[in-house]
Amino acid sequence: MRAAIDIGSNSVRLAMTDGSVRSEITQLAFGIERTGKLDPDGIRKTIAVLAEYAKLVRDAQSVSAFATEAVRRAADGGEFCASVKERTGLDVTVLSPIQEAYLALNGAVKPKGAVTVCDLGGGSMELISSADGITPSYVKSLPLGVVVLKNKFNGDYRKAIDAAPSLVAEFGDVPPYPLVLSGGSACTIAAAMLNLKVYDKNAVSTKFTASGLDGYMPMLLDRKLPVFRPLCAKRADTVPYGAIILQALVNHVGATEFYVSNAGNLDAVLDGYMPPNV
């Protein structure tokens, strides 16, 4: 059995080749825009979760633990990784933005042929395009994660909506390939649009229309979202920002439809894919 652990800006996820999956919201990047450091409470929660995960994977043949935007950006990212090693025994690899994008492309459930994969996380968003679905031709990462936007706009959705188009425009010209959205926010939004009562990874990995997303925006931005869509409860504070940034991206690339993929970087690692050292 192999295991992979993704230490993200908003959540910590575990996946194993026996089909086991775990996910916990720890908000490691809360306040990073202001302090430049990881959130102390987020550190405590993250290390506690990792200690529990370490127990679950003690018999695994291999364990790959990796961190993304929050840890690579924070001034105390190195100190955090050392603490994780000391407290849990886990060695953490800090991925570069490009490595993170490669994992998103290779892990996503996507249509055959040309594709653009968007991986929206807590601290960053990566876009990677490929004419054949295998070899990347465009790769870019921006600090547009849902926690980043939450920290910046602090509940003012109107300001976030007004700012989103210019923020997404920094991706520049993106190849006009079929668009695939991955990451916890994208999957939670998909579950909300499908009105799922119980999360189903296969159900959310399907095709949606841009007009459908537009139509659901009022609900996704409603303060009573956890009441209307209980599956959104754990991410209720970040889902609205995810919806805002993803809507802006869909408009930026001119997509009339898009796919959502429950699979992503964890799946790529479990399948044995290792990104290049870039």
C-alpha atoms as a PDB file:
ATOM      1  CA  MET A   1       0.000   0.000   0.000  1.00  0.00           C
ATOM      2  CA  ARG A   2       1.173   3.534  -0.850  1.00  0.00           C
ATOM      3  CA  ALA A   3       0.031   6.790   0.719  1.00  0.00           C
ATOM      4  CA  ALA A   4       0.138  10.461  -0.258  1.00  0.00           C
ATOM      5  CA  ILE A   5      -0.488  13.521   1.906  1.00  0.00           C
ATOM      6  CA  ASP A   6      -1.234  16.993   0.542  1.00  0.00           C
ATOM      7  CA  ILE A   7      -0.550  19.835   3.007  1.00  0.00           C
ATOM      8  CA  GLY A   8      -2.494  22.686   1.464  1.00  0.00           C
ATOM      9  CA  SER A   9      -3.209  26.260   2.428  1.00  0.00           C
ATOM     10  CA  ASN A  10      -6.735  25.450   3.575  1.00  0.00           C
ATOM     11  CA  SER A  11      -6.862  21.688   4.123  1.00  0.00           C
ATOM     12  CA  VAL A  12      -4.753  18.589   4.693  1.00  0.00           C
ATOM     13  CA  ARG A  13      -5.674  15.535   2.638  1.00  0.00           C
ATOM     14  CA  LEU A  14      -4.646  11.893   2.774  1.00  0.00           C
ATOM     15  CA  ALA A  15      -5.181   9.242   0.110  1.00  0.00           C
ATOM     16  CA  MET A  16      -4.055   5.617   0.039  1.00  0.00           C
ATOM     17  CA  THR A  17      -3.998   3.016  -2.688  1.00  0.00           C
ATOM     18  CA  ASP A  18      -6.478   0.907  -0.728  1.00  0.00           C
ATOM     19  CA  GLY A  19      -9.080   3.585  -1.468  1.00  0.00           C
ATOM     20  CA  SER A  20      -8.967   5.295   1.920  1.00  0.00           C
ATOM     21  CA  VAL A  21      -9.269   9.094   1.886  1.00  0.00           C
ATOM     22  CA  ARG A  22      -9.272  11.717   4.639  1.00  0.00           C
ATOM     23  CA  SER A  23      -9.551  15.495   4.558  1.00  0.00           C
ATOM     24  CA  GLU A  24      -9.452  18.092   7.330  1.00  0.00           C
ATOM     25  CA  ILE A  25      -9.769  21.884   7.145  1.00  0.00           C
ATOM     26  CA  THR A  26      -6.887  23.495   9.062  1.00  0.00           C
ATOM     27  CA  GLN A  27      -6.533  26.946   7.403  1.00  0.00           C
ATOM     28  CA  LEU A  28      -2.750  26.971   7.569  1.00  0.00           C
ATOM     29  CA  ALA A  29      -2.618  30.128   5.432  1.00  0.00           C
ATOM     30  CA  PHE A  30      -5.081  32.186   7.457  1.00  0.00           C
ATOM     31  CA  GLY A  31      -3.670  35.732   7.778  1.00  0.00           C
ATOM     32  CA  ILE A  32      -0.566  35.051   5.665  1.00  0.00           C
ATOM     33  CA  GLU A  33      -1.253  38.115   3.506  1.00  0.00           C
ATOM     34  CA  ARG A  34      -0.842  40.284   6.592  1.00  0.00           C
ATOM     35  CA  THR A  35       1.875  38.461   8.540  1.00  0.00           C
ATOM     36  CA  GLY A  36       3.893  36.653   5.895  1.00  0.00           C
ATOM     37  CA  LYS A  37       3.838  33.618   8.191  1.00  0.00           C
ATOM     38  CA  LEU A  38       1.700  30.532   8.738  1.00  0.00           C
ATOM     39  CA  ASP A  39      -1.184  30.885  11.152  1.00  0.00           C
ATOM     40  CA  PRO A  40      -0.195  29.604  14.643  1.00  0.00           C
ATOM     41  CA  ASP A  41      -3.555  27.915  15.179  1.00  0.00           C
ATOM     42  CA  GLY A  42      -3.367  26.516  11.651  1.00  0.00           C
ATOM     43  CA  ILE A  43       0.072  25.085  12.417  1.00  0.00           C
ATOM     44  CA  ARG A  44      -1.240  23.434  15.576  1.00  0.00           C
ATOM     45  CA  LYS A  45      -4.234  21.936  13.756  1.00  0.00           C
ATOM     46  CA  THR A  46      -2.163  20.829  10.776  1.00  0.00           C
ATOM     47  CA  ILE A  47       0.473  19.059  12.864  1.00  0.00           C
ATOM     48  CA  ALA A  48      -2.263  17.364  14.927  1.00  0.00           C
ATOM     49  CA  VAL A  49      -3.895  16.094  11.717  1.00  0.00           C
ATOM     50  CA  LEU A  50      -0.544  14.971  10.313  1.00  0.00           C
ATOM     51  CA  ALA A  51       0.214  13.092  13.526  1.00  0.00           C
ATOM     52  CA  GLU A  52      -3.053  11.210  13.107  1.00  0.00           C
ATOM     53  CA  TYR A  53      -2.342  10.543   9.431  1.00  0.00           C
ATOM     54  CA  ALA A  54       1.141   9.267  10.326  1.00  0.00           C
ATOM     55  CA  LYS A  55      -0.476   6.600  12.500  1.00  0.00           C
ATOM     56  CA  LEU A  56      -2.793   5.577   9.666  1.00  0.00           C
ATOM     57  CA  VAL A  57       0.070   5.148   7.163  1.00  0.00           C
ATOM     58  CA  ARG A  58       2.635   3.514   9.464  1.00  0.00           C
ATOM     59  CA  ASP A  59       2.341   0.223   7.560  1.00  0.00           C
ATOM     60  CA  ALA A  60       2.427   1.783   4.076  1.00  0.00           C
ATOM     61  CA  GLN A  61       5.267   0.773   1.754  1.00  0.00           C
ATOM     62  CA  SER A  62       5.794   4.411   0.824  1.00  0.00           C
ATOM     63  CA  VAL A  63       4.486   7.748   2.052  1.00  0.00           C
ATOM     64  CA  SER A  64       4.788  10.940   0.004  1.00  0.00           C
ATOM     65  CA  ALA A  65       3.970  14.130   1.905  1.00  0.00           C
ATOM     66  CA  PHE A  66       4.073  17.414   0.028  1.00  0.00           C
ATOM     67  CA  ALA A  67       3.212  21.033   0.738  1.00  0.00           C
ATOM     68  CA  THR A  68       2.111  23.775  -1.626  1.00  0.00           C
ATOM     69  CA  GLU A  69       1.671  27.558  -1.727  1.00  0.00           C
ATOM     70  CA  ALA A  70       1.282  28.412   1.967  1.00  0.00           C
ATOM     71  CA  VAL A  71       4.439  26.602   3.066  1.00  0.00           C
ATOM     72  CA  ARG A  72       6.581  27.640   0.101  1.00  0.00           C
ATOM     73  CA  ARG A  73       5.524  31.280   0.567  1.00  0.00           C
ATOM     74  CA  ALA A  74       5.674  31.632   4.341  1.00  0.00           C
ATOM     75  CA  ALA A  75       8.779  32.995   6.046  1.00  0.00           C
ATOM     76  CA  ASP A  76       8.505  30.167   8.560  1.00  0.00           C
ATOM     77  CA  GLY A  77       7.803  27.423   6.005  1.00  0.00           C
ATOM     78  CA  GLY A  78      11.127  25.703   6.649  1.00  0.00           C
ATOM     79  CA  GLU A  79      10.589  25.814  10.391  1.00  0.00           C
ATOM     80  CA  PHE A  80       7.134  24.294   9.899  1.00  0.00           C
ATOM     81  CA  CYS A  81       8.532  21.377   7.862  1.00  0.00           C
ATOM     82  CA  ALA A  82      11.144  20.742  10.548  1.00  0.00           C
ATOM     83  CA  SER A  83       8.423  20.707  13.211  1.00  0.00           C
ATOM     84  CA  VAL A  84       6.376  18.243  11.179  1.00  0.00           C
ATOM     85  CA  LYS A  85       9.383  15.943  10.900  1.00  0.00           C
ATOM     86  CA  GLU A  86      10.083  16.190  14.626  1.00  0.00           C
ATOM     87  CA  ARG A  87       6.460  15.706  15.736  1.00  0.00           C
ATOM     88  CA  THR A  88       5.224  13.164  13.191  1.00  0.00           C
ATOM     89  CA  GLY A  89       8.258  11.646  11.471  1.00  0.00           C
ATOM     90  CA  LEU A  90       6.960  12.752   8.066  1.00  0.00           C
ATOM     91  CA  ASP A  91       9.367  14.229   5.521  1.00  0.00           C
ATOM     92  CA  VAL A  92       7.644  17.078   3.680  1.00  0.00           C
ATOM     93  CA  THR A  93       8.565  18.040   0.120  1.00  0.00           C
ATOM     94  CA  VAL A  94       7.689  21.627  -0.777  1.00  0.00           C
ATOM     95  CA  LEU A  95       6.496  21.684  -4.375  1.00  0.00           C
ATOM     96  CA  SER A  96       7.274  24.515  -6.753  1.00  0.00           C
ATOM     97  CA  PRO A  97       4.276  26.113  -8.514  1.00  0.00           C
ATOM     98  CA  ILE A  98       5.229  24.369 -11.751  1.00  0.00           C
ATOM     99  CA  GLN A  99       5.534  20.980 -10.066  1.00  0.00           C
ATOM    100  CA  GLU A 100       2.102  21.519  -8.525  1.00  0.00           C
ATOM    101  CA  ALA A 101       0.687  22.279 -11.970  1.00  0.00           C
ATOM    102  CA  TYR A 102       2.243  19.146 -13.483  1.00  0.00           C
ATOM    103  CA  LEU A 103       0.601  17.035 -10.788  1.00  0.00           C
ATOM    104  CA  ALA A 104      -2.768  18.653 -11.471  1.00  0.00           C
ATOM    105  CA  LEU A 105      -2.544  17.845 -15.191  1.00  0.00           C
ATOM    106  CA  ASN A 106      -1.499  14.250 -14.656  1.00  0.00           C
ATOM    107  CA  GLY A 107      -3.950  13.536 -11.848  1.00  0.00           C
ATOM    108  CA  ALA A 108      -7.127  15.085 -13.225  1.00  0.00           C
ATOM    109  CA  VAL A 109      -9.996  13.163 -14.794  1.00  0.00           C
ATOM    110  CA  LYS A 110     -10.204  14.918 -18.139  1.00  0.00           C
ATOM    111  CA  PRO A 111     -11.410  14.512 -21.723  1.00  0.00           C
ATOM    112  CA  LYS A 112      -8.944  13.056 -24.223  1.00  0.00           C
ATOM    113  CA  GLY A 113      -6.839  15.389 -26.288  1.00  0.00           C
ATOM    114  CA  ALA A 114      -6.238  19.087 -25.769  1.00  0.00           C
ATOM    115  CA  VAL A 115      -7.109  20.365 -22.306  1.00  0.00           C
ATOM    116  CA  THR A 116      -6.505  23.159 -19.811  1.00  0.00           C
ATOM    117  CA  VAL A 117      -6.530  22.089 -16.169  1.00  0.00           C
ATOM    118  CA  CYS A 118      -7.121  24.589 -13.374  1.00  0.00           C
ATOM    119  CA  ASP A 119      -6.133  23.573  -9.854  1.00  0.00           C
ATOM    120  CA  LEU A 120      -7.684  25.999  -7.358  1.00  0.00           C
ATOM    121  CA  GLY A 121      -6.308  25.678  -3.856  1.00  0.00           C
ATOM    122  CA  GLY A 122      -6.264  27.718  -0.696  1.00  0.00           C
ATOM    123  CA  GLY A 123      -3.128  29.709  -1.499  1.00  0.00           C
ATOM    124  CA  SER A 124      -2.739  29.563  -5.260  1.00  0.00           C
ATOM    125  CA  MET A 125      -4.295  28.652  -8.574  1.00  0.00           C
ATOM    126  CA  GLU A 126      -2.412  26.839 -11.316  1.00  0.00           C
ATOM    127  CA  LEU A 127      -3.299  26.644 -14.991  1.00  0.00           C
ATOM    128  CA  ILE A 128      -1.680  24.104 -17.263  1.00  0.00           C
ATOM    129  CA  SER A 129      -2.578  23.567 -20.911  1.00  0.00           C
ATOM    130  CA  SER A 130      -1.637  20.645 -23.121  1.00  0.00           C
ATOM    131  CA  ALA A 131      -2.379  20.051 -26.798  1.00  0.00           C
ATOM    132  CA  ASP A 132      -2.269  16.277 -26.313  1.00  0.00           C
ATOM    133  CA  GLY A 133      -3.286  16.035 -22.651  1.00  0.00           C
ATOM    134  CA  ILE A 134       0.191  14.808 -21.736  1.00  0.00           C
ATOM    135  CA  THR A 135       2.850  17.368 -22.656  1.00  0.00           C
ATOM    136  CA  PRO A 136       2.306  20.836 -21.153  1.00  0.00           C
ATOM    137  CA  SER A 137       2.505  23.838 -23.465  1.00  0.00           C
ATOM    138  CA  TYR A 138       1.421  26.524 -20.988  1.00  0.00           C
ATOM    139  CA  VAL A 139       1.958  26.556 -17.226  1.00  0.00           C
ATOM    140  CA  LYS A 140       1.362  29.412 -14.810  1.00  0.00           C
ATOM    141  CA  SER A 141       0.646  29.794 -11.111  1.00  0.00           C
ATOM    142  CA  LEU A 142      -0.818  32.831  -9.355  1.00  0.00           C
ATOM    143  CA  PRO A 143      -1.544  33.486  -5.632  1.00  0.00           C
ATOM    144  CA  LEU A 144      -5.321  33.452  -6.198  1.00  0.00           C
ATOM    145  CA  GLY A 145      -6.310  30.794  -3.709  1.00  0.00           C
ATOM    146  CA  VAL A 146      -9.594  30.913  -1.818  1.00  0.00           C
ATOM    147  CA  VAL A 147      -7.905  31.625   1.523  1.00  0.00           C
ATOM    148  CA  VAL A 148      -5.905  34.441  -0.086  1.00  0.00           C
ATOM    149  CA  LEU A 149      -9.101  36.050  -1.357  1.00  0.00           C
ATOM    150  CA  LYS A 150     -10.845  35.512   1.957  1.00  0.00           C
ATOM    151  CA  ASN A 151      -7.978  37.234   3.771  1.00  0.00           C
ATOM    152  CA  LYS A 152      -7.967  40.091   1.271  1.00  0.00           C
ATOM    153  CA  PHE A 153     -11.679  40.856   1.008  1.00  0.00           C
ATOM    154  CA  ASN A 154     -12.865  39.721   4.449  1.00  0.00           C
ATOM    155  CA  GLY A 155     -16.491  38.992   3.574  1.00  0.00           C
ATOM    156  CA  ASP A 156     -16.976  41.787   1.034  1.00  0.00           C
ATOM    157  CA  TYR A 157     -18.103  39.674  -1.920  1.00  0.00           C
ATOM    158  CA  ARG A 158     -18.912  42.732  -4.031  1.00  0.00           C
ATOM    159  CA  LYS A 159     -15.321  43.946  -3.913  1.00  0.00           C
ATOM    160  CA  ALA A 160     -14.069  40.425  -4.643  1.00  0.00           C
ATOM    161  CA  ILE A 161     -16.353  40.158  -7.683  1.00  0.00           C
ATOM    162  CA  ASP A 162     -15.182  43.529  -8.980  1.00  0.00           C
ATOM    163  CA  ALA A 163     -11.506  42.633  -8.519  1.00  0.00           C
ATOM    164  CA  ALA A 164     -11.607  39.041  -9.823  1.00  0.00           C
ATOM    165  CA  PRO A 165     -11.501  39.751 -13.599  1.00  0.00           C
ATOM    166  CA  SER A 166      -8.286  41.793 -13.340  1.00  0.00           C
ATOM    167  CA  LEU A 167      -6.722  39.235 -11.010  1.00  0.00           C
ATOM    168  CA  VAL A 168      -7.476  36.367 -13.390  1.00  0.00           C
ATOM    169  CA  ALA A 169      -6.343  38.467 -16.383  1.00  0.00           C
ATOM    170  CA  GLU A 170      -2.779  37.993 -15.121  1.00  0.00           C
ATOM    171  CA  PHE A 171      -2.912  34.509 -16.634  1.00  0.00           C
ATOM    172  CA  GLY A 172      -2.778  36.224 -20.023  1.00  0.00           C
ATOM    173  CA  ASP A 173      -3.756  34.365 -23.181  1.00  0.00           C
ATOM    174  CA  VAL A 174      -4.755  30.808 -22.309  1.00  0.00           C
ATOM    175  CA  PRO A 175      -5.103  28.224 -25.117  1.00  0.00           C
ATOM    176  CA  PRO A 176      -8.814  27.727 -25.960  1.00  0.00           C
ATOM    177  CA  TYR A 177      -8.921  24.086 -24.883  1.00  0.00           C
ATOM    178  CA  PRO A 178     -11.631  22.308 -22.861  1.00  0.00           C
ATOM    179  CA  LEU A 179     -11.409  23.548 -19.275  1.00  0.00           C
ATOM    180  CA  VAL A 180     -11.148  21.191 -16.296  1.00  0.00           C
ATOM    181  CA  LEU A 181     -11.492  22.523 -12.740  1.00  0.00           C
ATOM    182  CA  SER A 182     -10.004  20.607  -9.811  1.00  0.00           C
ATOM    183  CA  GLY A 183      -9.463  21.179  -6.099  1.00  0.00           C
ATOM    184  CA  GLY A 184     -11.666  21.117  -3.024  1.00  0.00           C
ATOM    185  CA  SER A 185     -13.546  24.326  -3.798  1.00  0.00           C
ATOM    186  CA  ALA A 186     -14.363  23.285  -7.368  1.00  0.00           C
ATOM    187  CA  CYS A 187     -15.648  19.903  -6.200  1.00  0.00           C
ATOM    188  CA  THR A 188     -17.686  21.442  -3.388  1.00  0.00           C
ATOM    189  CA  ILE A 189     -19.246  23.905  -5.838  1.00  0.00           C
ATOM    190  CA  ALA A 190     -20.036  21.019  -8.189  1.00  0.00           C
ATOM    191  CA  ALA A 191     -21.696  19.095  -5.344  1.00  0.00           C
ATOM    192  CA  ALA A 192     -23.760  22.174  -4.491  1.00  0.00           C
ATOM    193  CA  MET A 193     -24.857  22.636  -8.099  1.00  0.00           C
ATOM    194  CA  LEU A 194     -25.896  18.984  -8.224  1.00  0.00           C
ATOM    195  CA  ASN A 195     -27.666  19.331  -4.862  1.00  0.00           C
ATOM    196  CA  LEU A 196     -25.991  16.190  -3.553  1.00  0.00           C
ATOM    197  CA  LYS A 197     -27.017  15.030  -0.095  1.00  0.00           C
ATOM    198  CA  VAL A 198     -23.958  12.784   0.242  1.00  0.00           C
ATOM    199  CA  TYR A 199     -20.666  13.601  -1.473  1.00  0.00           C
ATOM    200  CA  ASP A 200     -20.040  11.408  -4.517  1.00  0.00           C
ATOM    201  CA  LYS A 201     -16.653  11.811  -6.194  1.00  0.00           C
ATOM    202  CA  ASN A 202     -17.893  10.189  -9.384  1.00  0.00           C
ATOM    203  CA  ALA A 203     -20.969  12.397  -9.575  1.00  0.00           C
ATOM    204  CA  VAL A 204     -19.023  15.670  -9.249  1.00  0.00           C
ATOM    205  CA  SER A 205     -16.549  14.618 -11.958  1.00  0.00           C
ATOM    206  CA  THR A 206     -18.763  15.677 -14.826  1.00  0.00           C
ATOM    207  CA  LYS A 207     -19.506  18.545 -17.227  1.00  0.00           C
ATOM    208  CA  PHE A 208     -21.214  21.827 -16.329  1.00  0.00           C
ATOM    209  CA  THR A 209     -22.219  24.918 -18.285  1.00  0.00           C
ATOM    210  CA  ALA A 210     -20.977  28.435 -17.673  1.00  0.00           C
ATOM    211  CA  SER A 211     -24.570  29.657 -17.646  1.00  0.00           C
ATOM    212  CA  GLY A 212     -25.362  27.040 -15.004  1.00  0.00           C
ATOM    213  CA  LEU A 213     -22.606  28.411 -12.773  1.00  0.00           C
ATOM    214  CA  ASP A 214     -23.864  31.948 -13.354  1.00  0.00           C
ATOM    215  CA  GLY A 215     -27.335  30.855 -12.299  1.00  0.00           C
ATOM    216  CA  TYR A 216     -26.052  29.302  -9.059  1.00  0.00           C
ATOM    217  CA  MET A 217     -23.906  32.259  -8.007  1.00  0.00           C
ATOM    218  CA  PRO A 218     -26.618  33.884  -5.837  1.00  0.00           C
ATOM    219  CA  MET A 219     -26.903  30.688  -3.791  1.00  0.00           C
ATOM    220  CA  LEU A 220     -23.131  30.193  -3.596  1.00  0.00           C
ATOM    221  CA  LEU A 221     -22.770  33.741  -2.273  1.00  0.00           C
ATOM    222  CA  ASP A 222     -25.660  33.479   0.174  1.00  0.00           C
ATOM    223  CA  ARG A 223     -24.752  33.588   3.870  1.00  0.00           C
ATOM    224  CA  LYS A 224     -27.221  30.728   4.387  1.00  0.00           C
ATOM    225  CA  LEU A 225     -25.359  28.448   1.947  1.00  0.00           C
ATOM    226  CA  PRO A 226     -24.750  25.742   4.631  1.00  0.00           C
ATOM    227  CA  VAL A 227     -28.521  25.613   5.184  1.00  0.00           C
ATOM    228  CA  PHE A 228     -29.343  25.346   1.490  1.00  0.00           C
ATOM    229  CA  ARG A 229     -26.443  22.984   0.743  1.00  0.00           C
ATOM    230  CA  PRO A 230     -25.240  21.182   3.914  1.00  0.00           C
ATOM    231  CA  LEU A 231     -22.345  19.599   2.006  1.00  0.00           C
ATOM    232  CA  CYS A 232     -20.791  23.060   1.827  1.00  0.00           C
ATOM    233  CA  ALA A 233     -20.735  23.539   5.610  1.00  0.00           C
ATOM    234  CA  LYS A 234     -17.028  22.757   6.140  1.00  0.00           C
ATOM    235  CA  ARG A 235     -15.981  25.148   3.373  1.00  0.00           C
ATOM    236  CA  ALA A 236     -18.751  27.728   3.789  1.00  0.00           C
ATOM    237  CA  ASP A 237     -16.275  30.542   4.488  1.00  0.00           C
ATOM    238  CA  THR A 238     -14.203  29.897   1.348  1.00  0.00           C
ATOM    239  CA  VAL A 239     -16.649  28.458  -1.228  1.00  0.00           C
ATOM    240  CA  PRO A 240     -17.982  31.927  -2.176  1.00  0.00           C
ATOM    241  CA  TYR A 241     -14.465  33.080  -3.054  1.00  0.00           C
ATOM    242  CA  GLY A 242     -13.879  29.896  -5.011  1.00  0.00           C
ATOM    243  CA  ALA A 243     -17.057  30.533  -6.985  1.00  0.00           C
ATOM    244  CA  ILE A 244     -16.051  34.139  -7.657  1.00  0.00           C
ATOM    245  CA  ILE A 245     -12.592  33.279  -8.936  1.00  0.00           C
ATOM    246  CA  LEU A 246     -13.742  30.278 -10.983  1.00  0.00           C
ATOM    247  CA  GLN A 247     -16.518  32.296 -12.616  1.00  0.00           C
ATOM    248  CA  ALA A 248     -13.952  34.955 -13.522  1.00  0.00           C
ATOM    249  CA  LEU A 249     -11.648  32.292 -14.977  1.00  0.00           C
ATOM    250  CA  VAL A 250     -14.422  30.702 -17.052  1.00  0.00           C
ATOM    251  CA  ASN A 251     -15.235  34.141 -18.451  1.00  0.00           C
ATOM    252  CA  HIS A 252     -11.556  34.952 -19.044  1.00  0.00           C
ATOM    253  CA  VAL A 253     -10.956  31.877 -21.204  1.00  0.00           C
ATOM    254  CA  GLY A 254     -14.321  32.255 -22.928  1.00  0.00           C
ATOM    255  CA  ALA A 255     -15.574  28.797 -21.953  1.00  0.00           C
ATOM    256  CA  THR A 256     -19.273  28.000 -22.380  1.00  0.00           C
ATOM    257  CA  GLU A 257     -18.836  24.743 -20.487  1.00  0.00           C
ATOM    258  CA  PHE A 258     -16.293  23.161 -18.180  1.00  0.00           C
ATOM    259  CA  TYR A 259     -15.494  19.859 -16.485  1.00  0.00           C
ATOM    260  CA  VAL A 260     -14.882  19.233 -12.804  1.00  0.00           C
ATOM    261  CA  SER A 261     -12.427  16.583 -11.628  1.00  0.00           C
ATOM    262  CA  ASN A 262     -12.469  15.088  -8.144  1.00  0.00           C
ATOM    263  CA  ALA A 263      -9.031  13.613  -8.875  1.00  0.00           C
ATOM    264  CA  GLY A 264      -5.881  15.725  -8.778  1.00  0.00           C
ATOM    265  CA  ASN A 265      -2.385  15.906  -7.356  1.00  0.00           C
ATOM    266  CA  LEU A 266      -2.859  13.168  -4.743  1.00  0.00           C
ATOM    267  CA  ASP A 267      -4.031  10.766  -7.441  1.00  0.00           C
ATOM    268  CA  ALA A 268      -1.034  11.562  -9.621  1.00  0.00           C
ATOM    269  CA  VAL A 269       1.358  10.828  -6.750  1.00  0.00           C
ATOM    270  CA  LEU A 270      -0.423   7.589  -5.864  1.00  0.00           C
ATOM    271  CA  ASP A 271      -0.152   6.524  -9.510  1.00  0.00           C
ATOM    272  CA  GLY A 272       3.597   6.939  -9.244  1.00  0.00           C
ATOM    273  CA  TYR A 273       3.935  10.173 -11.213  1.00  0.00           C
ATOM    274  CA  MET A 274       6.727  12.485 -10.103  1.00  0.00           C
ATOM    275  CA  PRO A 275       6.900  16.031 -11.506  1.00  0.00           C
ATOM    276  CA  PRO A 276      10.167  17.305 -13.006  1.00  0.00           C
ATOM    277  CA  ASN A 277      12.511  19.383 -10.861  1.00  0.00           C
ATOM    278  CA  VAL A 278      11.317  22.780 -12.085  1.00  0.00           C
END
